[in-house]
C-alpha cells in the first residue's frame, strides 16, 4: 500500500486533483494506472481506467 499512497500523492501533485478510485479496487492495478499517468505526464490512463470501471459497474448492475 505505500506504493499506492506514493503514486496517489504524485498524481495529485502533478495534476492538481486527487484521483477518485472506484470501490472495490485492487491496489496493484490502480497503482500501475496512477504511476503510468505520472510517468507519461497525462491523466488519460487514469481517466480511461476510471471510465472502464464505471462501464463494468453499470453493466453488472443490470444483471438479474
PDB file of N, CA and C in Angstrom:
ATOM      1  N   UNK A   1       0.803  -1.198   0.000  1.00  0.00           N
ATOM      2  CA  UNK A   1       0.000   0.000   0.000  1.00  0.00           C
ATOM      3  C   UNK A   1       0.849   1.267   0.000  1.00  0.00           C
ATOM      4  N   UNK A   2       2.052   1.281   0.552  1.00  0.00           N
ATOM      5  CA  UNK A   2       2.857   2.509   0.475  1.00  0.00           C
ATOM      6  C   UNK A   2       3.095   2.956  -0.963  1.00  0.00           C
ATOM      7  N   UNK A   3       3.281   2.015  -1.896  1.00  0.00           N
ATOM      8  CA  UNK A   3       3.472   2.389  -3.296  1.00  0.00           C
ATOM      9  C   UNK A   3       2.240   3.111  -3.832  1.00  0.00           C
ATOM     10  N   UNK A   4       1.060   2.600  -3.474  1.00  0.00           N
ATOM     11  CA  UNK A   4      -0.168   3.247  -3.928  1.00  0.00           C
ATOM     12  C   UNK A   4      -0.251   4.672  -3.383  1.00  0.00           C
ATOM     13  N   UNK A   5      -0.009   4.835  -2.102  1.00  0.00           N
ATOM     14  CA  UNK A   5      -0.103   6.163  -1.493  1.00  0.00           C
ATOM     15  C   UNK A   5       0.901   7.129  -2.108  1.00  0.00           C
ATOM     16  N   UNK A   6       2.085   6.636  -2.405  1.00  0.00           N
ATOM     17  CA  UNK A   6       3.101   7.472  -3.051  1.00  0.00           C
ATOM     18  C   UNK A   6       2.655   7.876  -4.463  1.00  0.00           C
ATOM     19  N   UNK A   7       2.102   6.927  -5.216  1.00  0.00           N
ATOM     20  CA  UNK A   7       1.622   7.231  -6.568  1.00  0.00           C
ATOM     21  C   UNK A   7       0.425   8.174  -6.522  1.00  0.00           C
ATOM     22  N   UNK A   8      -0.451   7.991  -5.545  1.00  0.00           N
ATOM     23  CA  UNK A   8      -1.604   8.876  -5.405  1.00  0.00           C
ATOM     24  C   UNK A   8      -1.145  10.309  -5.102  1.00  0.00           C
ATOM     25  N   UNK A   9      -0.168  10.454  -4.228  1.00  0.00           N
ATOM     26  CA  UNK A   9       0.374  11.773  -3.888  1.00  0.00           C
ATOM     27  C   UNK A   9       1.016  12.416  -5.113  1.00  0.00           C
ATOM     28  N   UNK A  10       1.824  11.636  -5.845  1.00  0.00           N
ATOM     29  CA  UNK A  10       2.487  12.157  -7.045  1.00  0.00           C
ATOM     30  C   UNK A  10       1.454  12.581  -8.092  1.00  0.00           C
ATOM     31  N   UNK A  11       0.406  11.790  -8.243  1.00  0.00           N
ATOM     32  CA  UNK A  11      -0.661  12.127  -9.189  1.00  0.00           C
ATOM     33  C   UNK A  11      -1.312  13.448  -8.784  1.00  0.00           C
ATOM     34  N   UNK A  12      -1.657  13.564  -7.512  1.00  0.00           N
ATOM     35  CA  UNK A  12      -2.306  14.775  -7.001  1.00  0.00           C
ATOM     36  C   UNK A  12      -1.428  16.005  -7.221  1.00  0.00           C
ATOM     37  N   UNK A  13      -0.138  15.869  -6.959  1.00  0.00           N
ATOM     38  CA  UNK A  13       0.793  16.986  -7.147  1.00  0.00           C
ATOM     39  C   UNK A  13       0.941  17.332  -8.628  1.00  0.00           C
ATOM     40  N   UNK A  14       0.969  16.331  -9.485  1.00  0.00           N
ATOM     41  CA  UNK A  14       1.192  16.545 -10.922  1.00  0.00           C
ATOM     42  C   UNK A  14      -0.012  17.162 -11.621  1.00  0.00           C
ATOM     43  N   UNK A  15      -1.219  16.664 -11.248  1.00  0.00           N
ATOM     44  CA  UNK A  15      -2.416  17.068 -11.980  1.00  0.00           C
ATOM     45  C   UNK A  15      -3.337  18.011 -11.202  1.00  0.00           C
ATOM     46  N   UNK A  16      -3.038  18.248  -9.937  1.00  0.00           N
ATOM     47  CA  UNK A  16      -3.800  19.219  -9.157  1.00  0.00           C
ATOM     48  C   UNK A  16      -5.131  18.728  -8.618  1.00  0.00           C
ATOM     49  N   UNK A  17      -5.368  17.435  -8.710  1.00  0.00           N
ATOM     50  CA  UNK A  17      -6.584  16.889  -8.103  1.00  0.00           C
ATOM     51  C   UNK A  17      -6.319  15.459  -7.645  1.00  0.00           C
ATOM     52  N   UNK A  18      -7.066  15.044  -6.636  1.00  0.00           N
ATOM     53  CA  UNK A  18      -6.918  13.690  -6.115  1.00  0.00           C
ATOM     54  C   UNK A  18      -7.723  12.731  -6.982  1.00  0.00           C
ATOM     55  N   UNK A  19      -7.129  11.617  -7.364  1.00  0.00           N
ATOM     56  CA  UNK A  19      -7.867  10.656  -8.176  1.00  0.00           C
ATOM     57  C   UNK A  19      -8.973   9.993  -7.360  1.00  0.00           C
ATOM     58  N   UNK A  20     -10.120   9.829  -7.971  1.00  0.00           N
ATOM     59  CA  UNK A  20     -11.218   9.100  -7.344  1.00  0.00           C
ATOM     60  C   UNK A  20     -11.078   7.649  -7.789  1.00  0.00           C
ATOM     61  N   UNK A  21     -10.969   6.764  -6.834  1.00  0.00           N
ATOM     62  CA  UNK A  21     -10.784   5.347  -7.151  1.00  0.00           C
ATOM     63  C   UNK A  21     -12.076   4.611  -6.801  1.00  0.00           C
ATOM     64  N   UNK A  22     -12.722   3.965  -7.789  1.00  0.00           N
ATOM     65  CA  UNK A  22     -13.965   3.238  -7.512  1.00  0.00           C
ATOM     66  C   UNK A  22     -13.715   2.061  -6.571  1.00  0.00           C
ATOM     67  N   UNK A  23     -14.680   1.789  -5.712  1.00  0.00           N
ATOM     68  CA  UNK A  23     -14.579   0.654  -4.790  1.00  0.00           C
ATOM     69  C   UNK A  23     -15.486  -0.458  -5.271  1.00  0.00           C
ATOM     70  N   UNK A  24     -15.183  -1.715  -5.076  1.00  0.00           N
ATOM     71  CA  UNK A  24     -13.903  -2.202  -4.552  1.00  0.00           C
ATOM     72  C   UNK A  24     -12.813  -2.063  -5.608  1.00  0.00           C
ATOM     73  N   UNK A  25     -11.594  -1.992  -5.155  1.00  0.00           N
ATOM     74  CA  UNK A  25     -10.497  -1.786  -6.089  1.00  0.00           C
ATOM     75  C   UNK A  25      -9.279  -2.591  -5.679  1.00  0.00           C
ATOM     76  N   UNK A  26      -8.381  -2.762  -6.630  1.00  0.00           N
ATOM     77  CA  UNK A  26      -7.168  -3.550  -6.441  1.00  0.00           C
ATOM     78  C   UNK A  26      -5.984  -2.580  -6.387  1.00  0.00           C
ATOM     79  N   UNK A  27      -5.293  -2.569  -5.242  1.00  0.00           N
ATOM     80  CA  UNK A  27      -4.172  -1.638  -5.054  1.00  0.00           C
ATOM     81  C   UNK A  27      -3.173  -1.692  -6.199  1.00  0.00           C
ATOM     82  N   UNK A  28      -2.765  -2.901  -6.571  1.00  0.00           N
ATOM     83  CA  UNK A  28      -1.720  -3.044  -7.579  1.00  0.00           C
ATOM     84  C   UNK A  28      -2.145  -2.456  -8.925  1.00  0.00           C
ATOM     85  N   UNK A  29      -3.368  -2.729  -9.330  1.00  0.00           N
ATOM     86  CA  UNK A  29      -3.842  -2.249 -10.630  1.00  0.00           C
ATOM     87  C   UNK A  29      -3.921  -0.727 -10.658  1.00  0.00           C
ATOM     88  N   UNK A  30      -4.490  -0.135  -9.621  1.00  0.00           N
ATOM     89  CA  UNK A  30      -4.616   1.324  -9.603  1.00  0.00           C
ATOM     90  C   UNK A  30      -3.274   2.002  -9.368  1.00  0.00           C
ATOM     91  N   UNK A  31      -2.378   1.345  -8.660  1.00  0.00           N
ATOM     92  CA  UNK A  31      -1.025   1.886  -8.500  1.00  0.00           C
ATOM     93  C   UNK A  31      -0.370   1.998  -9.866  1.00  0.00           C
ATOM     94  N   UNK A  32      -0.505   0.948 -10.679  1.00  0.00           N
ATOM     95  CA  UNK A  32       0.075   0.962 -12.027  1.00  0.00           C
ATOM     96  C   UNK A  32      -0.537   2.066 -12.890  1.00  0.00           C
ATOM     97  N   UNK A  33      -1.850   2.244 -12.795  1.00  0.00           N
ATOM     98  CA  UNK A  33      -2.533   3.275 -13.589  1.00  0.00           C
ATOM     99  C   UNK A  33      -2.045   4.666 -13.185  1.00  0.00           C
ATOM    100  N   UNK A  34      -1.991   4.931 -11.880  1.00  0.00           N
ATOM    101  CA  UNK A  34      -1.549   6.251 -11.415  1.00  0.00           C
ATOM    102  C   UNK A  34      -0.092   6.492 -11.782  1.00  0.00           C
ATOM    103  N   UNK A  35       0.724   5.452 -11.642  1.00  0.00           N
ATOM    104  CA  UNK A  35       2.144   5.564 -11.981  1.00  0.00           C
ATOM    105  C   UNK A  35       2.316   5.876 -13.471  1.00  0.00           C
ATOM    106  N   UNK A  36       1.558   5.190 -14.317  1.00  0.00           N
ATOM    107  CA  UNK A  36       1.635   5.441 -15.757  1.00  0.00           C
ATOM    108  C   UNK A  36       1.232   6.881 -16.078  1.00  0.00           C
ATOM    109  N   UNK A  37       0.195   7.365 -15.427  1.00  0.00           N
ATOM    110  CA  UNK A  37      -0.249   8.744 -15.654  1.00  0.00           C
ATOM    111  C   UNK A  37       0.845   9.737 -15.298  1.00  0.00           C
ATOM    112  N   UNK A  38       1.463   9.550 -14.137  1.00  0.00           N
ATOM    113  CA  UNK A  38       2.516  10.467 -13.695  1.00  0.00           C
ATOM    114  C   UNK A  38       3.712  10.388 -14.636  1.00  0.00           C
ATOM    115  N   UNK A  39       4.098   9.169 -15.014  1.00  0.00           N
ATOM    116  CA  UNK A  39       5.273   8.997 -15.875  1.00  0.00           C
ATOM    117  C   UNK A  39       5.068   9.577 -17.273  1.00  0.00           C
ATOM    118  N   UNK A  40       3.847   9.481 -17.800  1.00  0.00           N
ATOM    119  CA  UNK A  40       3.590   9.995 -19.146  1.00  0.00           C
ATOM    120  C   UNK A  40       3.217  11.474 -19.145  1.00  0.00           C
ATOM    121  N   UNK A  41       2.921  11.999 -17.958  1.00  0.00           N
ATOM    122  CA  UNK A  41       2.532  13.407 -17.869  1.00  0.00           C
ATOM    123  C   UNK A  41       1.116  13.667 -18.351  1.00  0.00           C
ATOM    124  N   UNK A  42       0.315  12.618 -18.398  1.00  0.00           N
ATOM    125  CA  UNK A  42      -1.069  12.739 -18.852  1.00  0.00           C
ATOM    126  C   UNK A  42      -1.975  11.951 -17.916  1.00  0.00           C
ATOM    127  N   UNK A  43      -3.121  12.523 -17.577  1.00  0.00           N
ATOM    128  CA  UNK A  43      -4.055  11.772 -16.740  1.00  0.00           C
ATOM    129  C   UNK A  43      -4.976  10.867 -17.565  1.00  0.00           C
ATOM    130  N   UNK A  44      -4.687  10.743 -18.844  1.00  0.00           N
ATOM    131  CA  UNK A  44      -5.505   9.903 -19.723  1.00  0.00           C
ATOM    132  C   UNK A  44      -5.579   8.437 -19.265  1.00  0.00           C
ATOM    133  N   UNK A  45      -4.451   7.794 -18.883  1.00  0.00           N
ATOM    134  CA  UNK A  45      -4.568   6.408 -18.412  1.00  0.00           C
ATOM    135  C   UNK A  45      -5.538   6.279 -17.229  1.00  0.00           C
ATOM    136  N   UNK A  46      -5.497   7.249 -16.322  1.00  0.00           N
ATOM    137  CA  UNK A  46      -6.413   7.240 -15.179  1.00  0.00           C
ATOM    138  C   UNK A  46      -7.856   7.412 -15.655  1.00  0.00           C
ATOM    139  N   UNK A  47      -8.094   8.397 -16.506  1.00  0.00           N
ATOM    140  CA  UNK A  47      -9.458   8.663 -16.978  1.00  0.00           C
ATOM    141  C   UNK A  47     -10.024   7.463 -17.729  1.00  0.00           C
ATOM    142  N   UNK A  48      -9.199   6.808 -18.541  1.00  0.00           N
ATOM    143  CA  UNK A  48      -9.660   5.634 -19.291  1.00  0.00           C
ATOM    144  C   UNK A  48      -9.969   4.463 -18.361  1.00  0.00           C
ATOM    145  N   UNK A  49      -9.110   4.226 -17.379  1.00  0.00           N
ATOM    146  CA  UNK A  49      -9.338   3.134 -16.427  1.00  0.00           C
ATOM    147  C   UNK A  49     -10.592   3.400 -15.596  1.00  0.00           C
ATOM    148  N   UNK A  50     -10.774   4.650 -15.186  1.00  0.00           N
ATOM    149  CA  UNK A  50     -11.953   5.011 -14.403  1.00  0.00           C
ATOM    150  C   UNK A  50     -13.222   4.798 -15.231  1.00  0.00           C
ATOM    151  N   UNK A  51     -13.209   5.230 -16.486  1.00  0.00           N
ATOM    152  CA  UNK A  51     -14.367   5.057 -17.364  1.00  0.00           C
ATOM    153  C   UNK A  51     -14.684   3.575 -17.570  1.00  0.00           C
ATOM    154  N   UNK A  52     -13.658   2.761 -17.721  1.00  0.00           N
ATOM    155  CA  UNK A  52     -13.859   1.317 -17.896  1.00  0.00           C
ATOM    156  C   UNK A  52     -14.477   0.703 -16.641  1.00  0.00           C
ATOM    157  N   UNK A  53     -14.002   1.098 -15.471  1.00  0.00           N
ATOM    158  CA  UNK A  53     -14.575   0.610 -14.210  1.00  0.00           C
ATOM    159  C   UNK A  53     -16.052   0.988 -14.112  1.00  0.00           C
ATOM    160  N   UNK A  54     -16.376   2.210 -14.478  1.00  0.00           N
ATOM    161  CA  UNK A  54     -17.767   2.663 -14.429  1.00  0.00           C
ATOM    162  C   UNK A  54     -18.632   1.878 -15.411  1.00  0.00           C
ATOM    163  N   UNK A  55     -18.108   1.608 -16.603  1.00  0.00           N
ATOM    164  CA  UNK A  55     -18.849   0.831 -17.594  1.00  0.00           C
ATOM    165  C   UNK A  55     -19.143  -0.573 -17.067  1.00  0.00           C
ATOM    166  N   UNK A  56     -18.139  -1.209 -16.490  1.00  0.00           N
ATOM    167  CA  UNK A  56     -18.309  -2.557 -15.930  1.00  0.00           C
ATOM    168  C   UNK A  56     -19.319  -2.533 -14.792  1.00  0.00           C
ATOM    169  N   UNK A  57     -19.221  -1.536 -13.951  1.00  0.00           N
ATOM    170  CA  UNK A  57     -20.139  -1.407 -12.812  1.00  0.00           C
ATOM    171  C   UNK A  57     -21.590  -1.255 -13.304  1.00  0.00           C
ATOM    172  N   UNK A  58     -21.799  -0.449 -14.325  1.00  0.00           N
ATOM    173  CA  UNK A  58     -23.150  -0.243 -14.854  1.00  0.00           C
ATOM    174  C   UNK A  58     -23.693  -1.516 -15.488  1.00  0.00           C
ATOM    175  N   UNK A  59     -22.844  -2.215 -16.233  1.00  0.00           N
ATOM    176  CA  UNK A  59     -23.283  -3.466 -16.857  1.00  0.00           C
ATOM    177  C   UNK A  59     -23.640  -4.506 -15.807  1.00  0.00           C
ATOM    178  N   UNK A  60     -22.834  -4.614 -14.774  1.00  0.00           N
ATOM    179  CA  UNK A  60     -23.096  -5.626 -13.749  1.00  0.00           C
ATOM    180  C   UNK A  60     -24.327  -5.271 -12.913  1.00  0.00           C
ATOM    181  N   UNK A  61     -24.663  -3.997 -12.810  1.00  0.00           N
ATOM    182  CA  UNK A  61     -25.856  -3.619 -12.045  1.00  0.00           C
ATOM    183  C   UNK A  61     -27.131  -3.974 -12.807  1.00  0.00           C
ATOM    184  N   UNK A  62     -27.028  -4.192 -14.111  1.00  0.00           N
ATOM    185  CA  UNK A  62     -28.190  -4.565 -14.924  1.00  0.00           C
ATOM    186  C   UNK A  62     -28.428  -6.071 -14.948  1.00  0.00           C
ATOM    187  N   UNK A  63     -27.475  -6.835 -14.440  1.00  0.00           N
ATOM    188  CA  UNK A  63     -27.635  -8.291 -14.437  1.00  0.00           C
ATOM    189  C   UNK A  63     -28.717  -8.694 -13.440  1.00  0.00           C
ATOM    190  N   UNK A  64     -29.480  -9.747 -13.776  1.00  0.00           N
ATOM    191  CA  UNK A  64     -30.556 -10.200 -12.860  1.00  0.00           C
ATOM    192  C   UNK A  64     -30.021 -10.780 -11.577  1.00  0.00           C
TER     193      UNK A  64
END
